[in-house]
Protein backbone atom coordinates (compact mmCIF):
# COMPACT_ATOMS: atom_id res chain seq x y z
CA UNK A 1 0.00 0.00 0.00
CA UNK A 2 1.22 3.46 -0.92
CA UNK A 3 1.86 5.93 1.92
CA UNK A 4 -0.56 8.89 2.05
CA UNK A 5 0.41 12.06 0.24
CA UNK A 6 1.25 15.12 2.30
CA UNK A 7 0.40 18.49 0.86
CA UNK A 8 1.27 21.94 2.15
CA UNK A 9 -1.81 23.77 3.44
CA UNK A 10 -1.37 26.60 0.91
CA UNK A 11 -1.48 24.08 -1.94
CA UNK A 12 -4.71 22.55 -0.62
CA UNK A 13 -6.15 26.06 -0.23
CA UNK A 14 -5.22 26.85 -3.85
CA UNK A 15 -6.90 23.66 -5.04
CA UNK A 16 -10.04 24.43 -3.03
CA UNK A 17 -10.17 27.92 -4.55
CA UNK A 18 -9.77 26.41 -8.03
CA UNK A 19 -12.61 23.94 -7.42
CA UNK A 20 -14.86 26.69 -6.03
CA UNK A 21 -14.16 28.96 -9.01
CA UNK A 22 -14.79 26.10 -11.43
CA UNK A 23 -18.12 25.35 -9.73
CA UNK A 24 -19.13 29.02 -9.90
CA UNK A 25 -18.25 29.12 -13.59
CA UNK A 26 -20.27 25.96 -14.24
CA UNK A 27 -23.28 27.49 -12.46
CA UNK A 28 -23.11 30.82 -14.28
CA UNK A 29 -26.06 31.28 -16.66
CA UNK A 30 -25.29 31.40 -20.37
CA UNK A 31 -24.70 34.90 -21.64
CA UNK A 32 -23.58 36.33 -18.31
CA UNK A 33 -20.19 37.90 -17.88
CA UNK A 34 -17.86 35.08 -16.90
CA UNK A 35 -14.61 36.83 -17.77
CA UNK A 36 -13.66 37.43 -14.14
CA UNK A 37 -14.24 33.78 -13.24
CA UNK A 38 -12.32 32.54 -16.29
CA UNK A 39 -9.38 34.80 -15.51
CA UNK A 40 -9.36 33.70 -11.88
CA UNK A 41 -9.39 30.05 -13.00
CA UNK A 42 -6.44 30.65 -15.32
CA UNK A 43 -4.49 32.41 -12.56
CA UNK A 44 -5.24 29.66 -10.04
CA UNK A 45 -4.27 26.99 -12.58
CA UNK A 46 -0.91 28.68 -13.12
CA UNK A 47 -0.33 28.99 -9.38
CA UNK A 48 -1.22 25.33 -8.84
CA UNK A 49 1.05 24.04 -11.59
CA UNK A 50 4.02 26.15 -10.56
CA UNK A 51 3.76 25.56 -6.81
CA UNK A 52 7.15 24.53 -5.34
CA UNK A 53 5.62 21.27 -4.09
CA UNK A 54 5.62 19.98 -7.67
CA UNK A 55 9.38 20.48 -8.14
CA UNK A 56 9.92 16.70 -8.37
CA UNK A 57 9.79 15.52 -12.02
CA UNK A 58 6.58 13.46 -11.82
CA UNK A 59 5.02 14.95 -8.70
CA UNK A 60 1.94 16.39 -10.45
CA UNK A 61 1.04 13.11 -12.09
CA UNK A 62 1.66 11.25 -8.87
CA UNK A 63 -0.27 13.53 -6.53
CA UNK A 64 -2.80 15.53 -8.54
CA UNK A 65 -5.74 13.22 -7.89
CA UNK A 66 -4.92 12.97 -4.21
CA UNK A 67 -4.68 16.77 -3.97
CA UNK A 68 -8.12 17.22 -5.52
CA UNK A 69 -9.50 14.62 -3.10
CA UNK A 70 -7.84 16.32 -0.10
CA UNK A 71 -9.29 19.67 -1.16
CA UNK A 72 -12.79 18.19 -1.54
CA UNK A 73 -12.68 16.51 1.84
CA UNK A 74 -11.01 19.58 3.37
CA UNK A 75 -8.31 17.50 5.01
CA UNK A 76 -4.60 17.53 4.65
CA UNK A 77 -1.67 16.35 6.66
CA UNK A 78 1.22 18.69 7.33
CA UNK A 79 4.20 18.30 5.06
CA UNK A 80 7.38 17.06 6.63
CA UNK A 81 9.00 19.80 8.65
CA UNK A 82 5.73 21.73 9.11
CA UNK A 83 3.76 21.81 12.32
CA UNK A 84 0.07 20.98 12.29
CA UNK A 85 -2.13 24.08 12.42
PDB file of N, CA and C in Angstrom:
ATOM      1  N   UNK A   1       0.836  -1.183   0.000  1.00  0.00           N
ATOM      2  CA  UNK A   1       0.000   0.000   0.000  1.00  0.00           C
ATOM      3  C   UNK A   1       0.878   1.242   0.000  1.00  0.00           C
ATOM      4  N   UNK A   2       0.478   2.220  -0.785  1.00  0.00           N
ATOM      5  CA  UNK A   2       1.224   3.459  -0.915  1.00  0.00           C
ATOM      6  C   UNK A   2       1.004   4.352   0.296  1.00  0.00           C
ATOM      7  N   UNK A   3       2.059   5.021   0.796  1.00  0.00           N
ATOM      8  CA  UNK A   3       1.863   5.931   1.922  1.00  0.00           C
ATOM      9  C   UNK A   3       1.006   7.125   1.488  1.00  0.00           C
ATOM     10  N   UNK A   4       0.280   7.751   2.422  1.00  0.00           N
ATOM     11  CA  UNK A   4      -0.563   8.891   2.053  1.00  0.00           C
ATOM     12  C   UNK A   4       0.282  10.084   1.601  1.00  0.00           C
ATOM     13  N   UNK A   5      -0.270  10.855   0.697  1.00  0.00           N
ATOM     14  CA  UNK A   5       0.411  12.059   0.240  1.00  0.00           C
ATOM     15  C   UNK A   5       0.264  13.141   1.295  1.00  0.00           C
ATOM     16  N   UNK A   6       1.280  13.968   1.391  1.00  0.00           N
ATOM     17  CA  UNK A   6       1.251  15.116   2.300  1.00  0.00           C
ATOM     18  C   UNK A   6       1.353  16.367   1.455  1.00  0.00           C
ATOM     19  N   UNK A   7       0.413  17.256   1.624  1.00  0.00           N
ATOM     20  CA  UNK A   7       0.398  18.493   0.855  1.00  0.00           C
ATOM     21  C   UNK A   7       0.492  19.690   1.786  1.00  0.00           C
ATOM     22  N   UNK A   8       1.232  20.706   1.362  1.00  0.00           N
ATOM     23  CA  UNK A   8       1.271  21.942   2.150  1.00  0.00           C
ATOM     24  C   UNK A   8      -0.129  22.571   2.178  1.00  0.00           C
ATOM     25  N   UNK A   9      -0.467  23.187   3.276  1.00  0.00           N
ATOM     26  CA  UNK A   9      -1.807  23.771   3.437  1.00  0.00           C
ATOM     27  C   UNK A   9      -2.109  24.807   2.354  1.00  0.00           C
ATOM     28  N   UNK A  10      -1.102  25.597   1.948  1.00  0.00           N
ATOM     29  CA  UNK A  10      -1.366  26.600   0.912  1.00  0.00           C
ATOM     30  C   UNK A  10      -1.702  25.958  -0.429  1.00  0.00           C
ATOM     31  N   UNK A  11      -1.167  24.791  -0.695  1.00  0.00           N
ATOM     32  CA  UNK A  11      -1.481  24.081  -1.937  1.00  0.00           C
ATOM     33  C   UNK A  11      -2.913  23.552  -1.895  1.00  0.00           C
ATOM     34  N   UNK A  12      -3.333  23.021  -0.767  1.00  0.00           N
ATOM     35  CA  UNK A  12      -4.713  22.550  -0.619  1.00  0.00           C
ATOM     36  C   UNK A  12      -5.676  23.731  -0.739  1.00  0.00           C
ATOM     37  N   UNK A  13      -5.312  24.859  -0.143  1.00  0.00           N
ATOM     38  CA  UNK A  13      -6.148  26.056  -0.234  1.00  0.00           C
ATOM     39  C   UNK A  13      -6.271  26.522  -1.678  1.00  0.00           C
ATOM     40  N   UNK A  14      -5.173  26.499  -2.417  1.00  0.00           N
ATOM     41  CA  UNK A  14      -5.220  26.853  -3.848  1.00  0.00           C
ATOM     42  C   UNK A  14      -6.151  25.918  -4.615  1.00  0.00           C
ATOM     43  N   UNK A  15      -6.048  24.630  -4.349  1.00  0.00           N
ATOM     44  CA  UNK A  15      -6.898  23.663  -5.043  1.00  0.00           C
ATOM     45  C   UNK A  15      -8.366  23.874  -4.690  1.00  0.00           C
ATOM     46  N   UNK A  16      -8.656  24.164  -3.435  1.00  0.00           N
ATOM     47  CA  UNK A  16     -10.039  24.431  -3.034  1.00  0.00           C
ATOM     48  C   UNK A  16     -10.572  25.672  -3.735  1.00  0.00           C
ATOM     49  N   UNK A  17      -9.757  26.710  -3.849  1.00  0.00           N
ATOM     50  CA  UNK A  17     -10.172  27.921  -4.552  1.00  0.00           C
ATOM     51  C   UNK A  17     -10.430  27.624  -6.029  1.00  0.00           C
ATOM     52  N   UNK A  18      -9.585  26.785  -6.627  1.00  0.00           N
ATOM     53  CA  UNK A  18      -9.770  26.411  -8.033  1.00  0.00           C
ATOM     54  C   UNK A  18     -11.095  25.674  -8.206  1.00  0.00           C
ATOM     55  N   UNK A  19     -11.368  24.708  -7.326  1.00  0.00           N
ATOM     56  CA  UNK A  19     -12.607  23.942  -7.417  1.00  0.00           C
ATOM     57  C   UNK A  19     -13.835  24.824  -7.212  1.00  0.00           C
ATOM     58  N   UNK A  20     -13.758  25.769  -6.280  1.00  0.00           N
ATOM     59  CA  UNK A  20     -14.865  26.686  -6.032  1.00  0.00           C
ATOM     60  C   UNK A  20     -15.106  27.567  -7.248  1.00  0.00           C
ATOM     61  N   UNK A  21     -14.040  28.102  -7.826  1.00  0.00           N
ATOM     62  CA  UNK A  21     -14.162  28.957  -9.006  1.00  0.00           C
ATOM     63  C   UNK A  21     -14.739  28.169 -10.179  1.00  0.00           C
ATOM     64  N   UNK A  22     -14.275  26.952 -10.359  1.00  0.00           N
ATOM     65  CA  UNK A  22     -14.788  26.099 -11.434  1.00  0.00           C
ATOM     66  C   UNK A  22     -16.283  25.849 -11.253  1.00  0.00           C
ATOM     67  N   UNK A  23     -16.701  25.575 -10.016  1.00  0.00           N
ATOM     68  CA  UNK A  23     -18.121  25.347  -9.730  1.00  0.00           C
ATOM     69  C   UNK A  23     -18.940  26.603 -10.008  1.00  0.00           C
ATOM     70  N   UNK A  24     -18.434  27.768  -9.628  1.00  0.00           N
ATOM     71  CA  UNK A  24     -19.131  29.024  -9.895  1.00  0.00           C
ATOM     72  C   UNK A  24     -19.268  29.249 -11.398  1.00  0.00           C
ATOM     73  N   UNK A  25     -18.217  28.961 -12.139  1.00  0.00           N
ATOM     74  CA  UNK A  25     -18.252  29.119 -13.587  1.00  0.00           C
ATOM     75  C   UNK A  25     -19.263  28.158 -14.213  1.00  0.00           C
ATOM     76  N   UNK A  26     -19.315  26.940 -13.713  1.00  0.00           N
ATOM     77  CA  UNK A  26     -20.265  25.958 -14.236  1.00  0.00           C
ATOM     78  C   UNK A  26     -21.710  26.358 -13.942  1.00  0.00           C
ATOM     79  N   UNK A  27     -21.935  27.065 -12.845  1.00  0.00           N
ATOM     80  CA  UNK A  27     -23.284  27.486 -12.455  1.00  0.00           C
ATOM     81  C   UNK A  27     -23.721  28.794 -13.117  1.00  0.00           C
ATOM     82  N   UNK A  28     -22.786  29.525 -13.692  1.00  0.00           N
ATOM     83  CA  UNK A  28     -23.111  30.821 -14.285  1.00  0.00           C
ATOM     84  C   UNK A  28     -24.046  30.630 -15.482  1.00  0.00           C
ATOM     85  N   UNK A  29     -25.137  31.392 -15.525  1.00  0.00           N
ATOM     86  CA  UNK A  29     -26.062  31.277 -16.655  1.00  0.00           C
ATOM     87  C   UNK A  29     -25.383  31.684 -17.965  1.00  0.00           C
ATOM     88  N   UNK A  30     -25.838  31.066 -19.051  1.00  0.00           N
ATOM     89  CA  UNK A  30     -25.292  31.400 -20.371  1.00  0.00           C
ATOM     90  C   UNK A  30     -25.544  32.866 -20.670  1.00  0.00           C
ATOM     91  N   UNK A  31     -24.569  33.500 -21.260  1.00  0.00           N
ATOM     92  CA  UNK A  31     -24.701  34.902 -21.644  1.00  0.00           C
ATOM     93  C   UNK A  31     -24.323  35.887 -20.559  1.00  0.00           C
ATOM     94  N   UNK A  32     -23.999  35.393 -19.364  1.00  0.00           N
ATOM     95  CA  UNK A  32     -23.583  36.325 -18.311  1.00  0.00           C
ATOM     96  C   UNK A  32     -22.078  36.542 -18.418  1.00  0.00           C
ATOM     97  N   UNK A  33     -21.615  37.605 -17.850  1.00  0.00           N
ATOM     98  CA  UNK A  33     -20.188  37.905 -17.884  1.00  0.00           C
ATOM     99  C   UNK A  33     -19.403  36.934 -17.015  1.00  0.00           C
ATOM    100  N   UNK A  34     -18.650  36.068 -17.636  1.00  0.00           N
ATOM    101  CA  UNK A  34     -17.856  35.080 -16.899  1.00  0.00           C
ATOM    102  C   UNK A  34     -16.363  35.361 -17.013  1.00  0.00           C
ATOM    103  N   UNK A  35     -16.021  36.510 -17.552  1.00  0.00           N
ATOM    104  CA  UNK A  35     -14.614  36.833 -17.769  1.00  0.00           C
ATOM    105  C   UNK A  35     -13.816  36.800 -16.476  1.00  0.00           C
ATOM    106  N   UNK A  36     -14.369  37.380 -15.417  1.00  0.00           N
ATOM    107  CA  UNK A  36     -13.656  37.433 -14.136  1.00  0.00           C
ATOM    108  C   UNK A  36     -13.401  36.015 -13.622  1.00  0.00           C
ATOM    109  N   UNK A  37     -14.416  35.154 -13.703  1.00  0.00           N
ATOM    110  CA  UNK A  37     -14.239  33.776 -13.237  1.00  0.00           C
ATOM    111  C   UNK A  37     -13.233  33.030 -14.094  1.00  0.00           C
ATOM    112  N   UNK A  38     -13.275  33.215 -15.393  1.00  0.00           N
ATOM    113  CA  UNK A  38     -12.324  32.538 -16.285  1.00  0.00           C
ATOM    114  C   UNK A  38     -10.893  32.994 -16.012  1.00  0.00           C
ATOM    115  N   UNK A  39     -10.725  34.284 -15.805  1.00  0.00           N
ATOM    116  CA  UNK A  39      -9.382  34.800 -15.513  1.00  0.00           C
ATOM    117  C   UNK A  39      -8.868  34.280 -14.175  1.00  0.00           C
ATOM    118  N   UNK A  40      -9.764  34.221 -13.181  1.00  0.00           N
ATOM    119  CA  UNK A  40      -9.363  33.697 -11.877  1.00  0.00           C
ATOM    120  C   UNK A  40      -8.959  32.227 -12.007  1.00  0.00           C
ATOM    121  N   UNK A  41      -9.714  31.455 -12.791  1.00  0.00           N
ATOM    122  CA  UNK A  41      -9.395  30.045 -12.996  1.00  0.00           C
ATOM    123  C   UNK A  41      -8.038  29.875 -13.672  1.00  0.00           C
ATOM    124  N   UNK A  42      -7.743  30.703 -14.642  1.00  0.00           N
ATOM    125  CA  UNK A  42      -6.443  30.651 -15.319  1.00  0.00           C
ATOM    126  C   UNK A  42      -5.315  30.981 -14.344  1.00  0.00           C
ATOM    127  N   UNK A  43      -5.507  32.021 -13.539  1.00  0.00           N
ATOM    128  CA  UNK A  43      -4.493  32.407 -12.558  1.00  0.00           C
ATOM    129  C   UNK A  43      -4.270  31.300 -11.537  1.00  0.00           C
ATOM    130  N   UNK A  44      -5.359  30.743 -11.015  1.00  0.00           N
ATOM    131  CA  UNK A  44      -5.237  29.662 -10.037  1.00  0.00           C
ATOM    132  C   UNK A  44      -4.571  28.435 -10.651  1.00  0.00           C
ATOM    133  N   UNK A  45      -4.895  28.127 -11.899  1.00  0.00           N
ATOM    134  CA  UNK A  45      -4.273  26.988 -12.580  1.00  0.00           C
ATOM    135  C   UNK A  45      -2.762  27.175 -12.677  1.00  0.00           C
ATOM    136  N   UNK A  46      -2.345  28.382 -13.041  1.00  0.00           N
ATOM    137  CA  UNK A  46      -0.914  28.676 -13.123  1.00  0.00           C
ATOM    138  C   UNK A  46      -0.238  28.548 -11.767  1.00  0.00           C
ATOM    139  N   UNK A  47      -0.894  29.072 -10.732  1.00  0.00           N
ATOM    140  CA  UNK A  47      -0.332  28.990  -9.378  1.00  0.00           C
ATOM    141  C   UNK A  47      -0.238  27.541  -8.893  1.00  0.00           C
ATOM    142  N   UNK A  48      -1.243  26.741  -9.226  1.00  0.00           N
ATOM    143  CA  UNK A  48      -1.217  25.331  -8.838  1.00  0.00           C
ATOM    144  C   UNK A  48      -0.075  24.586  -9.526  1.00  0.00           C
ATOM    145  N   UNK A  49       0.047  24.788 -10.814  1.00  0.00           N
ATOM    146  CA  UNK A  49       1.048  24.040 -11.590  1.00  0.00           C
ATOM    147  C   UNK A  49       2.477  24.453 -11.280  1.00  0.00           C
ATOM    148  N   UNK A  50       2.668  25.670 -10.828  1.00  0.00           N
ATOM    149  CA  UNK A  50       4.023  26.149 -10.563  1.00  0.00           C
ATOM    150  C   UNK A  50       4.357  26.176  -9.074  1.00  0.00           C
ATOM    151  N   UNK A  51       3.508  25.598  -8.255  1.00  0.00           N
ATOM    152  CA  UNK A  51       3.765  25.559  -6.813  1.00  0.00           C
ATOM    153  C   UNK A  51       5.054  24.770  -6.553  1.00  0.00           C
ATOM    154  N   UNK A  52       5.889  25.213  -5.626  1.00  0.00           N
ATOM    155  CA  UNK A  52       7.153  24.528  -5.343  1.00  0.00           C
ATOM    156  C   UNK A  52       6.997  23.049  -4.948  1.00  0.00           C
ATOM    157  N   UNK A  53       5.837  22.666  -4.463  1.00  0.00           N
ATOM    158  CA  UNK A  53       5.618  21.267  -4.086  1.00  0.00           C
ATOM    159  C   UNK A  53       5.813  20.328  -5.279  1.00  0.00           C
ATOM    160  N   UNK A  54       5.544  20.814  -6.469  1.00  0.00           N
ATOM    161  CA  UNK A  54       5.624  19.976  -7.667  1.00  0.00           C
ATOM    162  C   UNK A  54       7.000  19.990  -8.302  1.00  0.00           C
ATOM    163  N   UNK A  55       8.020  20.397  -7.584  1.00  0.00           N
ATOM    164  CA  UNK A  55       9.380  20.484  -8.139  1.00  0.00           C
ATOM    165  C   UNK A  55       9.925  19.121  -8.576  1.00  0.00           C
ATOM    166  N   UNK A  56       9.476  18.049  -7.950  1.00  0.00           N
ATOM    167  CA  UNK A  56       9.919  16.704  -8.367  1.00  0.00           C
ATOM    168  C   UNK A  56       9.394  16.427  -9.779  1.00  0.00           C
ATOM    169  N   UNK A  57      10.154  15.716 -10.606  1.00  0.00           N
ATOM    170  CA  UNK A  57       9.791  15.524 -12.018  1.00  0.00           C
ATOM    171  C   UNK A  57       8.378  15.005 -12.271  1.00  0.00           C
ATOM    172  N   UNK A  58       7.903  14.028 -11.542  1.00  0.00           N
ATOM    173  CA  UNK A  58       6.583  13.463 -11.823  1.00  0.00           C
ATOM    174  C   UNK A  58       5.601  13.722 -10.685  1.00  0.00           C
ATOM    175  N   UNK A  59       5.841  14.718  -9.883  1.00  0.00           N
ATOM    176  CA  UNK A  59       5.016  14.951  -8.702  1.00  0.00           C
ATOM    177  C   UNK A  59       3.568  15.256  -9.067  1.00  0.00           C
ATOM    178  N   UNK A  60       3.326  16.045 -10.102  1.00  0.00           N
ATOM    179  CA  UNK A  60       1.943  16.395 -10.445  1.00  0.00           C
ATOM    180  C   UNK A  60       1.163  15.149 -10.842  1.00  0.00           C
ATOM    181  N   UNK A  61       1.741  14.326 -11.676  1.00  0.00           N
ATOM    182  CA  UNK A  61       1.040  13.110 -12.094  1.00  0.00           C
ATOM    183  C   UNK A  61       0.809  12.183 -10.910  1.00  0.00           C
ATOM    184  N   UNK A  62       1.755  12.153 -10.002  1.00  0.00           N
ATOM    185  CA  UNK A  62       1.661  11.247  -8.869  1.00  0.00           C
ATOM    186  C   UNK A  62       0.683  11.739  -7.807  1.00  0.00           C
ATOM    187  N   UNK A  63       0.520  13.037  -7.646  1.00  0.00           N
ATOM    188  CA  UNK A  63      -0.271  13.534  -6.532  1.00  0.00           C
ATOM    189  C   UNK A  63      -1.465  14.392  -6.879  1.00  0.00           C
ATOM    190  N   UNK A  64      -1.708  14.642  -8.148  1.00  0.00           N
ATOM    191  CA  UNK A  64      -2.802  15.525  -8.544  1.00  0.00           C
ATOM    192  C   UNK A  64      -4.163  15.042  -8.092  1.00  0.00           C
ATOM    193  N   UNK A  65      -4.450  13.768  -8.286  1.00  0.00           N
ATOM    194  CA  UNK A  65      -5.744  13.220  -7.888  1.00  0.00           C
ATOM    195  C   UNK A  65      -5.904  13.283  -6.381  1.00  0.00           C
ATOM    196  N   UNK A  66      -4.857  12.934  -5.664  1.00  0.00           N
ATOM    197  CA  UNK A  66      -4.916  12.971  -4.208  1.00  0.00           C
ATOM    198  C   UNK A  66      -5.109  14.401  -3.696  1.00  0.00           C
ATOM    199  N   UNK A  67      -4.498  15.382  -4.364  1.00  0.00           N
ATOM    200  CA  UNK A  67      -4.676  16.773  -3.966  1.00  0.00           C
ATOM    201  C   UNK A  67      -6.132  17.193  -4.149  1.00  0.00           C
ATOM    202  N   UNK A  68      -6.723  16.853  -5.283  1.00  0.00           N
ATOM    203  CA  UNK A  68      -8.121  17.216  -5.516  1.00  0.00           C
ATOM    204  C   UNK A  68      -9.023  16.553  -4.467  1.00  0.00           C
ATOM    205  N   UNK A  69      -8.717  15.314  -4.127  1.00  0.00           N
ATOM    206  CA  UNK A  69      -9.498  14.622  -3.100  1.00  0.00           C
ATOM    207  C   UNK A  69      -9.323  15.305  -1.737  1.00  0.00           C
ATOM    208  N   UNK A  70      -8.101  15.653  -1.384  1.00  0.00           N
ATOM    209  CA  UNK A  70      -7.844  16.324  -0.102  1.00  0.00           C
ATOM    210  C   UNK A  70      -8.566  17.661  -0.036  1.00  0.00           C
ATOM    211  N   UNK A  71      -8.612  18.376  -1.144  1.00  0.00           N
ATOM    212  CA  UNK A  71      -9.292  19.671  -1.164  1.00  0.00           C
ATOM    213  C   UNK A  71     -10.800  19.487  -1.016  1.00  0.00           C
ATOM    214  N   UNK A  72     -11.347  18.444  -1.653  1.00  0.00           N
ATOM    215  CA  UNK A  72     -12.788  18.189  -1.541  1.00  0.00           C
ATOM    216  C   UNK A  72     -13.171  17.789  -0.133  1.00  0.00           C
ATOM    217  N   UNK A  73     -12.360  16.981   0.501  1.00  0.00           N
ATOM    218  CA  UNK A  73     -12.684  16.508   1.843  1.00  0.00           C
ATOM    219  C   UNK A  73     -12.208  17.473   2.918  1.00  0.00           C
ATOM    220  N   UNK A  74     -11.505  18.534   2.476  1.00  0.00           N
ATOM    221  CA  UNK A  74     -11.013  19.584   3.372  1.00  0.00           C
ATOM    222  C   UNK A  74     -10.084  19.020   4.441  1.00  0.00           C
ATOM    223  N   UNK A  75      -9.298  18.039   4.087  1.00  0.00           N
ATOM    224  CA  UNK A  75      -8.315  17.503   5.012  1.00  0.00           C
ATOM    225  C   UNK A  75      -6.958  17.508   4.352  1.00  0.00           C
ATOM    226  N   UNK A  76      -5.971  17.671   5.131  1.00  0.00           N
ATOM    227  CA  UNK A  76      -4.603  17.531   4.651  1.00  0.00           C
ATOM    228  C   UNK A  76      -3.740  17.214   5.854  1.00  0.00           C
ATOM    229  N   UNK A  77      -2.622  16.616   5.585  1.00  0.00           N
ATOM    230  CA  UNK A  77      -1.674  16.352   6.657  1.00  0.00           C
ATOM    231  C   UNK A  77      -0.510  17.291   6.445  1.00  0.00           C
ATOM    232  N   UNK A  78       0.105  17.767   7.500  1.00  0.00           N
ATOM    233  CA  UNK A  78       1.225  18.688   7.330  1.00  0.00           C
ATOM    234  C   UNK A  78       2.382  18.027   6.603  1.00  0.00           C
ATOM    235  N   UNK A  79       3.020  18.792   5.757  1.00  0.00           N
ATOM    236  CA  UNK A  79       4.203  18.299   5.062  1.00  0.00           C
ATOM    237  C   UNK A  79       5.313  18.106   6.078  1.00  0.00           C
ATOM    238  N   UNK A  80       6.267  17.292   5.734  1.00  0.00           N
ATOM    239  CA  UNK A  80       7.381  17.061   6.633  1.00  0.00           C
ATOM    240  C   UNK A  80       8.044  18.383   6.977  1.00  0.00           C
ATOM    241  N   UNK A  81       8.335  18.584   8.221  1.00  0.00           N
ATOM    242  CA  UNK A  81       9.002  19.805   8.649  1.00  0.00           C
ATOM    243  C   UNK A  81       8.021  20.922   9.002  1.00  0.00           C
ATOM    244  N   UNK A  82       6.713  20.708   8.772  1.00  0.00           N
ATOM    245  CA  UNK A  82       5.729  21.725   9.111  1.00  0.00           C
ATOM    246  C   UNK A  82       4.906  21.247  10.289  1.00  0.00           C
ATOM    247  N   UNK A  83       4.592  22.150  11.174  1.00  0.00           N
ATOM    248  CA  UNK A  83       3.765  21.810  12.322  1.00  0.00           C
ATOM    249  C   UNK A  83       2.309  21.810  11.905  1.00  0.00           C
ATOM    250  N   UNK A  84       1.509  20.994  12.565  1.00  0.00           N
ATOM    251  CA  UNK A  84       0.075  20.980  12.291  1.00  0.00           C
ATOM    252  C   UNK A  84      -0.523  22.287  12.788  1.00  0.00           C
ATOM    253  N   UNK A  85      -1.503  22.802  12.035  1.00  0.00           N
ATOM    254  CA  UNK A  85      -2.130  24.080  12.425  1.00  0.00           C
ATOM    255  C   UNK A  85      -3.165  23.875  13.481  1.00  0.00           C
TER     256      UNK A  85
END
